[in-house]
Amino acid sequence: MRSSRRSFIKKTSAIGAAASFGSLPFSLLANERAEVIRIGIIGLDTSHSPAFTKLFNTENPKPELAGFRVVAAYPHGSRTIKSSYDRIPGYIEQVKELGVEITDSIESMLAKVDVVLLETNDGNRRLEQARKVIATGKPFFIDKPVAASFKDTKTIYQEAKAAGVPIFSASSLRYMSNAQAVRYENKIGQVLGCDAFSPAVLEPSHPDLFWYGIHGVEILFTVMGPGCESVTRFSTADTDVVVGHWKDGRIGTFRGTRAGKHEYGGTAFGVEGNLVLGQYEGYEPLVVQIAAFFKTKKSPVEDAETLEIYAFMEAADESKRRGGAKVNLADFVG
């Protein structure tokens, strides 16, 4: 008898609990589900895609990355650059193991997510793909290179702004600790100049520095800030040196390497001392910034600065075509 009574009490308690849960307002349940920001990826042809996914989808993410999950991905991605499209099958398997659904179209992926990582390695496909994201109004991070020309880069930013769609782009090298300290913490006082370097491997379908040199160029602009007026480029088979003249009289240089050990870094020069910028610190500092952007809808890098970086790189190509002549950015992008 007692056993039956205890069983009856357990059953009725369970029913009551279920009824109480079921009677909760739907809006409360929906809000709880909405706390997770669903991320979609376009392009599984770059190591950034599985690397970013691992940071967001790990069982115990950093506090700054909690509340996000990569849920869907469209894998394509480069179709003409072999070093990129060869990676797609392997990266599909990697992200599937992390719980990501693979879709057969960008449109299908966009219907499942709140925000987007546009990762396609081929800048020639970026404008077409970015327009599909912009049409949905979803905030998106667009990885380097934004596009394969300054013209397309400017168009993407203009169309996103006109549609009121938040957009953010940056190299992970922008978030080297010392570069950030120089720019935002007055680490060496007023910045007088900077010499930055990175690998500058070439890809024939892109302007020379867009493919890989952008990492070192972004280090340079992180330290110097915007305001470059002209560039002069010196180029050999193994090395590029681009000298930028800023409107306040400062000089910054970028050295791109295609021989020797591939490293990243530079030296910042200030009125209170000089500082070696250190080494590459991985993807996590950038991904933390991406997460903050997805929450605030405000890019940590001004659009004008990003556009100037791409103008600098394409003007460097023009300087090379002119045999090392000085190219004014205002004339080039006007």
C-alpha atoms as a PDB file:
ATOM      1  CA  MET A   1       0.000   0.000   0.000  1.00  0.00           C
ATOM      2  CA  ARG A   2       2.711   2.462   1.012  1.00  0.00           C
ATOM      3  CA  SER A   3       4.703   1.569  -2.061  1.00  0.00           C
ATOM      4  CA  SER A   4       1.677   2.231  -4.288  1.00  0.00           C
ATOM      5  CA  ARG A   5       1.055   5.548  -2.540  1.00  0.00           C
ATOM      6  CA  ARG A   6       4.675   6.641  -3.008  1.00  0.00           C
ATOM      7  CA  SER A   7       4.452   5.619  -6.653  1.00  0.00           C
ATOM      8  CA  PHE A   8       1.247   7.646  -7.059  1.00  0.00           C
ATOM      9  CA  ILE A   9       2.856  10.725  -5.459  1.00  0.00           C
ATOM     10  CA  LYS A  10       5.904  10.463  -7.743  1.00  0.00           C
ATOM     11  CA  LYS A  11       3.693  10.164 -10.802  1.00  0.00           C
ATOM     12  CA  THR A  12       1.464  13.089  -9.874  1.00  0.00           C
ATOM     13  CA  SER A  13       4.521  15.226  -8.983  1.00  0.00           C
ATOM     14  CA  ALA A  14       6.064  14.470 -12.337  1.00  0.00           C
ATOM     15  CA  ILE A  15       2.835  15.308 -14.101  1.00  0.00           C
ATOM     16  CA  GLY A  16       2.586  18.563 -12.156  1.00  0.00           C
ATOM     17  CA  ALA A  17       6.135  19.503 -12.986  1.00  0.00           C
ATOM     18  CA  ALA A  18       5.555  18.742 -16.641  1.00  0.00           C
ATOM     19  CA  ALA A  19       2.350  20.745 -16.590  1.00  0.00           C
ATOM     20  CA  SER A  20       4.112  23.693 -14.941  1.00  0.00           C
ATOM     21  CA  PHE A  21       6.889  23.594 -17.545  1.00  0.00           C
ATOM     22  CA  GLY A  22       4.350  23.242 -20.330  1.00  0.00           C
ATOM     23  CA  SER A  23       2.395  26.219 -19.027  1.00  0.00           C
ATOM     24  CA  LEU A  24       5.404  28.542 -19.238  1.00  0.00           C
ATOM     25  CA  PRO A  25       4.811  31.352 -21.730  1.00  0.00           C
ATOM     26  CA  PHE A  26       6.161  30.415 -25.145  1.00  0.00           C
ATOM     27  CA  SER A  27       8.013  33.747 -25.265  1.00  0.00           C
ATOM     28  CA  LEU A  28      10.141  32.731 -22.289  1.00  0.00           C
ATOM     29  CA  LEU A  29      11.125  29.453 -23.913  1.00  0.00           C
ATOM     30  CA  ALA A  30      11.848  31.215 -27.176  1.00  0.00           C
ATOM     31  CA  ASN A  31      14.020  33.773 -25.410  1.00  0.00           C
ATOM     32  CA  GLU A  32      16.029  31.004 -23.776  1.00  0.00           C
ATOM     33  CA  ARG A  33      16.633  29.377 -27.160  1.00  0.00           C
ATOM     34  CA  ALA A  34      17.470  32.762 -28.710  1.00  0.00           C
ATOM     35  CA  GLU A  35      20.325  33.240 -26.264  1.00  0.00           C
ATOM     36  CA  VAL A  36      22.508  31.088 -28.512  1.00  0.00           C
ATOM     37  CA  ILE A  37      23.646  33.114 -31.510  1.00  0.00           C
ATOM     38  CA  ARG A  38      23.704  30.757 -34.484  1.00  0.00           C
ATOM     39  CA  ILE A  39      26.691  31.199 -36.794  1.00  0.00           C
ATOM     40  CA  GLY A  40      26.850  30.141 -40.430  1.00  0.00           C
ATOM     41  CA  ILE A  41      29.972  29.759 -42.563  1.00  0.00           C
ATOM     42  CA  ILE A  42      30.432  30.380 -46.273  1.00  0.00           C
ATOM     43  CA  GLY A  43      33.556  28.614 -47.517  1.00  0.00           C
ATOM     44  CA  LEU A  44      35.267  25.523 -46.126  1.00  0.00           C
ATOM     45  CA  ASP A  45      38.396  26.052 -48.237  1.00  0.00           C
ATOM     46  CA  THR A  46      40.506  27.752 -45.574  1.00  0.00           C
ATOM     47  CA  SER A  47      41.945  26.559 -42.279  1.00  0.00           C
ATOM     48  CA  HIS A  48      40.154  29.472 -40.609  1.00  0.00           C
ATOM     49  CA  SER A  49      36.791  27.720 -40.975  1.00  0.00           C
ATOM     50  CA  PRO A  50      37.502  24.634 -38.829  1.00  0.00           C
ATOM     51  CA  ALA A  51      39.742  26.656 -36.500  1.00  0.00           C
ATOM     52  CA  PHE A  52      37.036  29.230 -35.778  1.00  0.00           C
ATOM     53  CA  THR A  53      34.427  26.480 -35.431  1.00  0.00           C
ATOM     54  CA  LYS A  54      36.518  24.671 -32.820  1.00  0.00           C
ATOM     55  CA  LEU A  55      36.810  27.849 -30.752  1.00  0.00           C
ATOM     56  CA  PHE A  56      33.048  28.481 -30.817  1.00  0.00           C
ATOM     57  CA  ASN A  57      31.805  24.884 -30.545  1.00  0.00           C
ATOM     58  CA  THR A  58      34.158  23.544 -27.905  1.00  0.00           C
ATOM     59  CA  GLU A  59      32.482  22.104 -24.829  1.00  0.00           C
ATOM     60  CA  ASN A  60      33.955  24.792 -22.577  1.00  0.00           C
ATOM     61  CA  PRO A  61      34.553  27.932 -24.647  1.00  0.00           C
ATOM     62  CA  LYS A  62      36.179  31.082 -23.323  1.00  0.00           C
ATOM     63  CA  PRO A  63      33.622  33.305 -21.573  1.00  0.00           C
ATOM     64  CA  GLU A  64      33.814  35.777 -24.455  1.00  0.00           C
ATOM     65  CA  LEU A  65      32.801  33.015 -26.885  1.00  0.00           C
ATOM     66  CA  ALA A  66      30.012  31.487 -24.812  1.00  0.00           C
ATOM     67  CA  GLY A  67      26.524  31.756 -26.258  1.00  0.00           C
ATOM     68  CA  PHE A  68      27.578  31.141 -29.847  1.00  0.00           C
ATOM     69  CA  ARG A  69      27.493  28.049 -31.997  1.00  0.00           C
ATOM     70  CA  VAL A  70      28.438  27.347 -35.584  1.00  0.00           C
ATOM     71  CA  VAL A  71      25.429  25.404 -36.837  1.00  0.00           C
ATOM     72  CA  ALA A  72      25.613  25.383 -40.647  1.00  0.00           C
ATOM     73  CA  ALA A  73      28.136  25.797 -43.441  1.00  0.00           C
ATOM     74  CA  TYR A  74      28.124  26.070 -47.213  1.00  0.00           C
ATOM     75  CA  PRO A  75      31.476  24.602 -48.324  1.00  0.00           C
ATOM     76  CA  HIS A  76      32.195  26.432 -51.601  1.00  0.00           C
ATOM     77  CA  GLY A  77      34.571  28.079 -51.433  1.00  0.00           C
ATOM     78  CA  SER A  78      37.163  28.383 -54.133  1.00  0.00           C
ATOM     79  CA  ARG A  79      36.467  26.535 -57.373  1.00  0.00           C
ATOM     80  CA  THR A  80      39.549  27.531 -59.377  1.00  0.00           C
ATOM     81  CA  ILE A  81      42.386  27.786 -56.825  1.00  0.00           C
ATOM     82  CA  LYS A  82      43.632  24.231 -56.335  1.00  0.00           C
ATOM     83  CA  SER A  83      45.445  24.864 -53.049  1.00  0.00           C
ATOM     84  CA  SER A  84      42.097  25.980 -51.633  1.00  0.00           C
ATOM     85  CA  TYR A  85      39.477  23.687 -53.157  1.00  0.00           C
ATOM     86  CA  ASP A  86      41.559  20.589 -52.410  1.00  0.00           C
ATOM     87  CA  ARG A  87      40.998  21.307 -48.704  1.00  0.00           C
ATOM     88  CA  ILE A  88      37.208  21.322 -48.861  1.00  0.00           C
ATOM     89  CA  PRO A  89      36.494  17.578 -48.375  1.00  0.00           C
ATOM     90  CA  GLY A  90      38.723  17.354 -45.321  1.00  0.00           C
ATOM     91  CA  TYR A  91      37.331  20.521 -43.755  1.00  0.00           C
ATOM     92  CA  ILE A  92      33.771  19.327 -44.374  1.00  0.00           C
ATOM     93  CA  GLU A  93      34.499  16.262 -42.256  1.00  0.00           C
ATOM     94  CA  GLN A  94      36.179  18.324 -39.539  1.00  0.00           C
ATOM     95  CA  VAL A  95      33.252  20.695 -39.051  1.00  0.00           C
ATOM     96  CA  LYS A  96      30.671  17.889 -39.310  1.00  0.00           C
ATOM     97  CA  GLU A  97      32.393  16.248 -36.339  1.00  0.00           C
ATOM     98  CA  LEU A  98      31.798  19.516 -34.469  1.00  0.00           C
ATOM     99  CA  GLY A  99      28.055  19.337 -35.118  1.00  0.00           C
ATOM    100  CA  VAL A 100      27.860  21.608 -38.167  1.00  0.00           C
ATOM    101  CA  GLU A 101      25.247  20.911 -40.847  1.00  0.00           C
ATOM    102  CA  ILE A 102      26.513  21.103 -44.439  1.00  0.00           C
ATOM    103  CA  THR A 103      24.092  22.834 -46.810  1.00  0.00           C
ATOM    104  CA  ASP A 104      23.840  22.704 -50.599  1.00  0.00           C
ATOM    105  CA  SER A 105      23.395  26.450 -51.066  1.00  0.00           C
ATOM    106  CA  ILE A 106      24.211  29.757 -49.417  1.00  0.00           C
ATOM    107  CA  GLU A 107      20.512  30.544 -49.272  1.00  0.00           C
ATOM    108  CA  SER A 108      19.774  27.351 -47.357  1.00  0.00           C
ATOM    109  CA  MET A 109      22.547  28.083 -44.890  1.00  0.00           C
ATOM    110  CA  LEU A 110      21.409  31.679 -44.371  1.00  0.00           C
ATOM    111  CA  ALA A 111      17.911  30.512 -43.397  1.00  0.00           C
ATOM    112  CA  LYS A 112      19.365  28.593 -40.435  1.00  0.00           C
ATOM    113  CA  VAL A 113      21.624  31.242 -38.852  1.00  0.00           C
ATOM    114  CA  ASP A 114      21.729  34.665 -37.201  1.00  0.00           C
ATOM    115  CA  VAL A 115      25.206  35.832 -38.246  1.00  0.00           C
ATOM    116  CA  VAL A 116      27.766  34.820 -40.857  1.00  0.00           C
ATOM    117  CA  LEU A 117      31.477  34.134 -41.277  1.00  0.00           C
ATOM    118  CA  LEU A 118      32.278  34.708 -44.969  1.00  0.00           C
ATOM    119  CA  GLU A 119      35.463  32.650 -45.277  1.00  0.00           C
ATOM    120  CA  THR A 120      35.740  31.752 -48.987  1.00  0.00           C
ATOM    121  CA  ASN A 121      39.444  31.948 -49.737  1.00  0.00           C
ATOM    122  CA  ASP A 122      38.974  33.219 -53.290  1.00  0.00           C
ATOM    123  CA  GLY A 123      38.412  36.965 -53.234  1.00  0.00           C
ATOM    124  CA  ASN A 124      36.948  36.830 -56.742  1.00  0.00           C
ATOM    125  CA  ARG A 125      33.798  35.186 -55.337  1.00  0.00           C
ATOM    126  CA  ARG A 126      33.359  37.525 -52.395  1.00  0.00           C
ATOM    127  CA  LEU A 127      31.175  40.236 -53.951  1.00  0.00           C
ATOM    128  CA  GLU A 128      28.599  37.744 -55.221  1.00  0.00           C
ATOM    129  CA  GLN A 129      28.522  35.901 -51.907  1.00  0.00           C
ATOM    130  CA  ALA A 130      28.519  39.053 -49.771  1.00  0.00           C
ATOM    131  CA  ARG A 131      25.498  40.357 -51.665  1.00  0.00           C
ATOM    132  CA  LYS A 132      23.530  37.272 -50.655  1.00  0.00           C
ATOM    133  CA  VAL A 133      24.328  37.924 -47.001  1.00  0.00           C
ATOM    134  CA  ILE A 134      23.567  41.635 -47.283  1.00  0.00           C
ATOM    135  CA  ALA A 135      20.161  40.825 -48.779  1.00  0.00           C
ATOM    136  CA  THR A 136      19.219  39.012 -45.546  1.00  0.00           C
ATOM    137  CA  GLY A 137      20.357  41.848 -43.263  1.00  0.00           C
ATOM    138  CA  LYS A 138      22.507  39.497 -41.178  1.00  0.00           C
ATOM    139  CA  PRO A 139      25.757  40.868 -39.671  1.00  0.00           C
ATOM    140  CA  PHE A 140      28.845  39.260 -41.158  1.00  0.00           C
ATOM    141  CA  PHE A 141      32.569  38.964 -40.664  1.00  0.00           C
ATOM    142  CA  ILE A 142      34.343  38.854 -44.018  1.00  0.00           C
ATOM    143  CA  ASP A 143      37.792  37.330 -43.808  1.00  0.00           C
ATOM    144  CA  LYS A 144      40.863  38.428 -45.732  1.00  0.00           C
ATOM    145  CA  PRO A 145      40.935  39.272 -48.528  1.00  0.00           C
ATOM    146  CA  VAL A 146      37.623  41.110 -48.558  1.00  0.00           C
ATOM    147  CA  ALA A 147      37.747  40.786 -52.348  1.00  0.00           C
ATOM    148  CA  ALA A 148      40.250  40.400 -55.182  1.00  0.00           C
ATOM    149  CA  SER A 149      40.247  44.099 -56.061  1.00  0.00           C
ATOM    150  CA  PHE A 150      39.903  47.424 -54.325  1.00  0.00           C
ATOM    151  CA  LYS A 151      36.851  48.132 -56.493  1.00  0.00           C
ATOM    152  CA  ASP A 152      34.979  45.041 -55.251  1.00  0.00           C
ATOM    153  CA  THR A 153      36.086  45.679 -51.667  1.00  0.00           C
ATOM    154  CA  LYS A 154      34.707  49.216 -51.808  1.00  0.00           C
ATOM    155  CA  THR A 155      31.464  47.978 -53.396  1.00  0.00           C
ATOM    156  CA  ILE A 156      30.904  45.412 -50.631  1.00  0.00           C
ATOM    157  CA  TYR A 157      31.357  48.043 -47.939  1.00  0.00           C
ATOM    158  CA  GLN A 158      29.174  50.586 -49.745  1.00  0.00           C
ATOM    159  CA  GLU A 159      26.330  48.109 -50.294  1.00  0.00           C
ATOM    160  CA  ALA A 160      26.491  46.840 -46.706  1.00  0.00           C
ATOM    161  CA  LYS A 161      26.347  50.410 -45.400  1.00  0.00           C
ATOM    162  CA  ALA A 162      23.456  51.346 -47.698  1.00  0.00           C
ATOM    163  CA  ALA A 163      21.512  48.317 -46.453  1.00  0.00           C
ATOM    164  CA  GLY A 164      22.378  48.973 -42.798  1.00  0.00           C
ATOM    165  CA  VAL A 165      24.150  45.617 -42.497  1.00  0.00           C
ATOM    166  CA  PRO A 166      27.055  45.469 -40.001  1.00  0.00           C
ATOM    167  CA  ILE A 167      30.322  44.250 -41.540  1.00  0.00           C
ATOM    168  CA  PHE A 168      33.773  43.626 -40.052  1.00  0.00           C
ATOM    169  CA  SER A 169      37.034  42.445 -41.576  1.00  0.00           C
ATOM    170  CA  ALA A 170      40.519  42.044 -40.137  1.00  0.00           C
ATOM    171  CA  SER A 171      43.581  39.841 -40.176  1.00  0.00           C
ATOM    172  CA  SER A 172      44.342  37.975 -36.964  1.00  0.00           C
ATOM    173  CA  LEU A 173      47.693  39.795 -36.980  1.00  0.00           C
ATOM    174  CA  ARG A 174      45.921  43.036 -36.078  1.00  0.00           C
ATOM    175  CA  TYR A 175      45.428  41.578 -32.608  1.00  0.00           C
ATOM    176  CA  MET A 176      49.063  41.003 -31.693  1.00  0.00           C
ATOM    177  CA  SER A 177      49.270  42.232 -28.092  1.00  0.00           C
ATOM    178  CA  ASN A 178      52.061  44.741 -28.639  1.00  0.00           C
ATOM    179  CA  ALA A 179      50.477  46.181 -31.785  1.00  0.00           C
ATOM    180  CA  GLN A 180      47.265  46.775 -29.852  1.00  0.00           C
ATOM    181  CA  ALA A 181      49.188  48.265 -26.917  1.00  0.00           C
ATOM    182  CA  VAL A 182      50.984  50.703 -29.211  1.00  0.00           C
ATOM    183  CA  ARG A 183      47.762  51.783 -30.910  1.00  0.00           C
ATOM    184  CA  TYR A 184      45.381  51.945 -27.978  1.00  0.00           C
ATOM    185  CA  GLU A 185      47.425  52.005 -24.754  1.00  0.00           C
ATOM    186  CA  ASN A 186      50.058  54.628 -25.602  1.00  0.00           C
ATOM    187  CA  LYS A 187      52.749  51.997 -25.033  1.00  0.00           C
ATOM    188  CA  ILE A 188      55.535  54.039 -26.686  1.00  0.00           C
ATOM    189  CA  GLY A 189      53.873  57.420 -26.800  1.00  0.00           C
ATOM    190  CA  GLN A 190      53.181  59.075 -30.115  1.00  0.00           C
ATOM    191  CA  VAL A 191      53.987  56.689 -32.956  1.00  0.00           C
ATOM    192  CA  LEU A 192      56.693  57.961 -35.279  1.00  0.00           C
ATOM    193  CA  GLY A 193      56.841  55.025 -37.665  1.00  0.00           C
ATOM    194  CA  CYS A 194      56.678  51.284 -38.105  1.00  0.00           C
ATOM    195  CA  ASP A 195      58.447  48.548 -40.034  1.00  0.00           C
ATOM    196  CA  ALA A 196      56.195  45.490 -40.422  1.00  0.00           C
ATOM    197  CA  PHE A 197      56.794  42.170 -42.146  1.00  0.00           C
ATOM    198  CA  SER A 198      55.014  38.965 -43.099  1.00  0.00           C
ATOM    199  CA  PRO A 199      55.078  36.304 -45.789  1.00  0.00           C
ATOM    200  CA  ALA A 200      53.832  37.593 -49.159  1.00  0.00           C
ATOM    201  CA  VAL A 201      53.144  34.427 -51.144  1.00  0.00           C
ATOM    202  CA  LEU A 202      51.539  35.283 -54.489  1.00  0.00           C
ATOM    203  CA  GLU A 203      48.349  33.999 -56.116  1.00  0.00           C
ATOM    204  CA  PRO A 204      48.000  34.967 -59.800  1.00  0.00           C
ATOM    205  CA  SER A 205      44.251  35.594 -59.528  1.00  0.00           C
ATOM    206  CA  HIS A 206      44.742  38.339 -56.915  1.00  0.00           C
ATOM    207  CA  PRO A 207      46.735  41.561 -56.625  1.00  0.00           C
ATOM    208  CA  ASP A 208      50.099  40.570 -55.168  1.00  0.00           C
ATOM    209  CA  LEU A 209      49.647  41.614 -51.540  1.00  0.00           C
ATOM    210  CA  PHE A 210      45.971  40.676 -51.210  1.00  0.00           C
ATOM    211  CA  TRP A 211      46.624  36.947 -50.944  1.00  0.00           C
ATOM    212  CA  TYR A 212      49.052  36.872 -48.027  1.00  0.00           C
ATOM    213  CA  GLY A 213      50.920  40.151 -47.691  1.00  0.00           C
ATOM    214  CA  ILE A 214      47.791  41.640 -46.181  1.00  0.00           C
ATOM    215  CA  HIS A 215      48.811  40.195 -42.806  1.00  0.00           C
ATOM    216  CA  GLY A 216      51.899  42.375 -42.570  1.00  0.00           C
ATOM    217  CA  VAL A 217      50.114  45.362 -44.097  1.00  0.00           C
ATOM    218  CA  GLU A 218      47.461  45.082 -41.399  1.00  0.00           C
ATOM    219  CA  ILE A 219      50.167  45.035 -38.718  1.00  0.00           C
ATOM    220  CA  LEU A 220      51.510  48.248 -40.252  1.00  0.00           C
ATOM    221  CA  PHE A 221      48.120  49.981 -40.235  1.00  0.00           C
ATOM    222  CA  THR A 222      47.287  48.759 -36.732  1.00  0.00           C
ATOM    223  CA  VAL A 223      50.343  50.594 -35.445  1.00  0.00           C
ATOM    224  CA  MET A 224      50.293  53.632 -37.747  1.00  0.00           C
ATOM    225  CA  GLY A 225      46.558  54.171 -38.100  1.00  0.00           C
ATOM    226  CA  PRO A 226      45.026  55.515 -41.314  1.00  0.00           C
ATOM    227  CA  GLY A 227      46.275  58.531 -43.235  1.00  0.00           C
ATOM    228  CA  CYS A 228      48.656  57.075 -45.821  1.00  0.00           C
ATOM    229  CA  GLU A 229      48.932  59.364 -48.854  1.00  0.00           C
ATOM    230  CA  SER A 230      51.290  57.523 -51.193  1.00  0.00           C
ATOM    231  CA  VAL A 231      53.240  54.307 -51.648  1.00  0.00           C
ATOM    232  CA  THR A 232      56.398  53.247 -53.421  1.00  0.00           C
ATOM    233  CA  ARG A 233      57.124  49.568 -54.018  1.00  0.00           C
ATOM    234  CA  PHE A 234      60.389  47.769 -54.629  1.00  0.00           C
ATOM    235  CA  SER A 235      60.009  44.170 -55.772  1.00  0.00           C
ATOM    236  CA  THR A 236      62.164  41.138 -56.525  1.00  0.00           C
ATOM    237  CA  ALA A 237      61.309  37.472 -56.925  1.00  0.00           C
ATOM    238  CA  ASP A 238      61.755  36.849 -53.193  1.00  0.00           C
ATOM    239  CA  THR A 239      60.941  40.167 -51.552  1.00  0.00           C
ATOM    240  CA  ASP A 240      58.646  43.174 -51.636  1.00  0.00           C
ATOM    241  CA  VAL A 241      59.302  46.401 -49.771  1.00  0.00           C
ATOM    242  CA  VAL A 242      56.508  48.958 -49.780  1.00  0.00           C
ATOM    243  CA  VAL A 243      57.184  52.405 -48.331  1.00  0.00           C
ATOM    244  CA  GLY A 244      54.127  54.352 -47.243  1.00  0.00           C
ATOM    245  CA  HIS A 245      54.161  58.112 -46.698  1.00  0.00           C
ATOM    246  CA  TRP A 246      51.559  59.329 -44.198  1.00  0.00           C
ATOM    247  CA  LYS A 247      50.011  62.779 -44.497  1.00  0.00           C
ATOM    248  CA  ASP A 248      51.592  63.927 -41.217  1.00  0.00           C
ATOM    249  CA  GLY A 249      55.085  63.172 -42.523  1.00  0.00           C
ATOM    250  CA  ARG A 250      55.547  59.753 -40.945  1.00  0.00           C
ATOM    251  CA  ILE A 251      56.910  56.798 -42.889  1.00  0.00           C
ATOM    252  CA  GLY A 252      55.839  53.175 -42.496  1.00  0.00           C
ATOM    253  CA  THR A 253      57.201  50.180 -44.355  1.00  0.00           C
ATOM    254  CA  PHE A 254      56.007  46.696 -45.178  1.00  0.00           C
ATOM    255  CA  ARG A 255      58.415  43.888 -46.087  1.00  0.00           C
ATOM    256  CA  GLY A 256      56.864  40.856 -47.735  1.00  0.00           C
ATOM    257  CA  THR A 257      58.938  37.691 -47.927  1.00  0.00           C
ATOM    258  CA  ARG A 258      58.818  34.721 -50.276  1.00  0.00           C
ATOM    259  CA  ALA A 259      62.076  33.104 -49.180  1.00  0.00           C
ATOM    260  CA  GLY A 260      63.473  32.029 -45.836  1.00  0.00           C
ATOM    261  CA  LYS A 261      61.406  31.298 -42.754  1.00  0.00           C
ATOM    262  CA  HIS A 262      57.844  32.597 -42.821  1.00  0.00           C
ATOM    263  CA  GLU A 263      57.327  34.798 -39.785  1.00  0.00           C
ATOM    264  CA  TYR A 264      55.263  37.820 -38.799  1.00  0.00           C
ATOM    265  CA  GLY A 265      56.151  40.897 -36.810  1.00  0.00           C
ATOM    266  CA  GLY A 266      57.731  44.304 -36.901  1.00  0.00           C
ATOM    267  CA  THR A 267      59.068  47.210 -34.886  1.00  0.00           C
ATOM    268  CA  ALA A 268      57.135  50.278 -33.810  1.00  0.00           C
ATOM    269  CA  PHE A 269      58.993  53.536 -33.239  1.00  0.00           C
ATOM    270  CA  GLY A 270      57.669  56.099 -30.758  1.00  0.00           C
ATOM    271  CA  VAL A 271      58.666  59.257 -28.953  1.00  0.00           C
ATOM    272  CA  GLU A 272      59.069  57.261 -25.720  1.00  0.00           C
ATOM    273  CA  GLY A 273      60.904  54.279 -27.183  1.00  0.00           C
ATOM    274  CA  ASN A 274      60.769  51.492 -29.719  1.00  0.00           C
ATOM    275  CA  LEU A 275      58.964  48.177 -29.396  1.00  0.00           C
ATOM    276  CA  VAL A 276      59.372  44.846 -31.135  1.00  0.00           C
ATOM    277  CA  LEU A 277      55.842  43.738 -31.933  1.00  0.00           C
ATOM    278  CA  GLY A 278      56.356  40.081 -31.111  1.00  0.00           C
ATOM    279  CA  GLN A 279      55.032  37.003 -32.839  1.00  0.00           C
ATOM    280  CA  TYR A 280      51.784  35.654 -34.180  1.00  0.00           C
ATOM    281  CA  GLU A 281      49.423  34.798 -31.300  1.00  0.00           C
ATOM    282  CA  GLY A 282      46.893  32.560 -33.046  1.00  0.00           C
ATOM    283  CA  TYR A 283      43.259  33.008 -34.062  1.00  0.00           C
ATOM    284  CA  GLU A 284      41.658  33.347 -30.649  1.00  0.00           C
ATOM    285  CA  PRO A 285      42.177  37.118 -30.163  1.00  0.00           C
ATOM    286  CA  LEU A 286      40.494  37.762 -33.524  1.00  0.00           C
ATOM    287  CA  VAL A 287      37.630  35.364 -32.809  1.00  0.00           C
ATOM    288  CA  VAL A 288      36.968  37.149 -29.508  1.00  0.00           C
ATOM    289  CA  GLN A 289      36.618  40.376 -31.493  1.00  0.00           C
ATOM    290  CA  ILE A 290      34.297  38.683 -33.974  1.00  0.00           C
ATOM    291  CA  ALA A 291      32.080  37.481 -31.115  1.00  0.00           C
ATOM    292  CA  ALA A 292      31.920  40.989 -29.657  1.00  0.00           C
ATOM    293  CA  PHE A 293      31.028  42.354 -33.096  1.00  0.00           C
ATOM    294  CA  PHE A 294      28.209  39.839 -33.478  1.00  0.00           C
ATOM    295  CA  LYS A 295      26.795  40.993 -30.132  1.00  0.00           C
ATOM    296  CA  THR A 296      27.213  44.759 -30.544  1.00  0.00           C
ATOM    297  CA  LYS A 297      26.800  44.969 -34.350  1.00  0.00           C
ATOM    298  CA  LYS A 298      29.666  47.495 -34.309  1.00  0.00           C
ATOM    299  CA  SER A 299      32.951  46.785 -36.092  1.00  0.00           C
ATOM    300  CA  PRO A 300      36.080  47.303 -33.970  1.00  0.00           C
ATOM    301  CA  VAL A 301      37.829  48.597 -37.110  1.00  0.00           C
ATOM    302  CA  GLU A 302      36.515  51.639 -38.936  1.00  0.00           C
ATOM    303  CA  ASP A 303      35.378  50.946 -42.487  1.00  0.00           C
ATOM    304  CA  ALA A 304      37.593  53.747 -43.798  1.00  0.00           C
ATOM    305  CA  GLU A 305      40.703  52.138 -42.325  1.00  0.00           C
ATOM    306  CA  THR A 306      39.932  48.757 -43.862  1.00  0.00           C
ATOM    307  CA  LEU A 307      39.355  50.386 -47.255  1.00  0.00           C
ATOM    308  CA  GLU A 308      42.629  52.283 -46.967  1.00  0.00           C
ATOM    309  CA  ILE A 309      44.479  49.012 -46.352  1.00  0.00           C
ATOM    310  CA  TYR A 310      43.149  47.628 -49.630  1.00  0.00           C
ATOM    311  CA  ALA A 311      43.884  50.863 -51.482  1.00  0.00           C
ATOM    312  CA  PHE A 312      47.454  50.709 -50.120  1.00  0.00           C
ATOM    313  CA  MET A 313      47.916  47.163 -51.434  1.00  0.00           C
ATOM    314  CA  GLU A 314      46.464  47.818 -54.869  1.00  0.00           C
ATOM    315  CA  ALA A 315      48.425  51.063 -55.176  1.00  0.00           C
ATOM    316  CA  ALA A 316      51.521  48.990 -54.384  1.00  0.00           C
ATOM    317  CA  ASP A 317      50.685  46.846 -57.428  1.00  0.00           C
ATOM    318  CA  GLU A 318      50.405  49.978 -59.549  1.00  0.00           C
ATOM    319  CA  SER A 319      53.773  51.195 -58.267  1.00  0.00           C
ATOM    320  CA  LYS A 320      55.300  47.878 -59.324  1.00  0.00           C
ATOM    321  CA  ARG A 321      53.772  48.228 -62.801  1.00  0.00           C
ATOM    322  CA  ARG A 322      55.298  51.705 -63.029  1.00  0.00           C
ATOM    323  CA  GLY A 323      58.751  50.431 -62.103  1.00  0.00           C
ATOM    324  CA  GLY A 324      58.703  51.636 -58.503  1.00  0.00           C
ATOM    325  CA  ALA A 325      57.147  55.045 -59.073  1.00  0.00           C
ATOM    326  CA  LYS A 326      55.272  56.779 -56.276  1.00  0.00           C
ATOM    327  CA  VAL A 327      51.498  56.275 -56.436  1.00  0.00           C
ATOM    328  CA  ASN A 328      49.129  58.623 -54.622  1.00  0.00           C
ATOM    329  CA  LEU A 329      46.286  56.756 -52.951  1.00  0.00           C
ATOM    330  CA  ALA A 330      43.838  59.630 -53.536  1.00  0.00           C
ATOM    331  CA  ASP A 331      44.482  59.542 -57.289  1.00  0.00           C
ATOM    332  CA  PHE A 332      44.355  55.770 -57.370  1.00  0.00           C
ATOM    333  CA  VAL A 333      41.044  55.298 -55.586  1.00  0.00           C
ATOM    334  CA  GLY A 334      39.315  58.453 -56.757  1.00  0.00           C
END
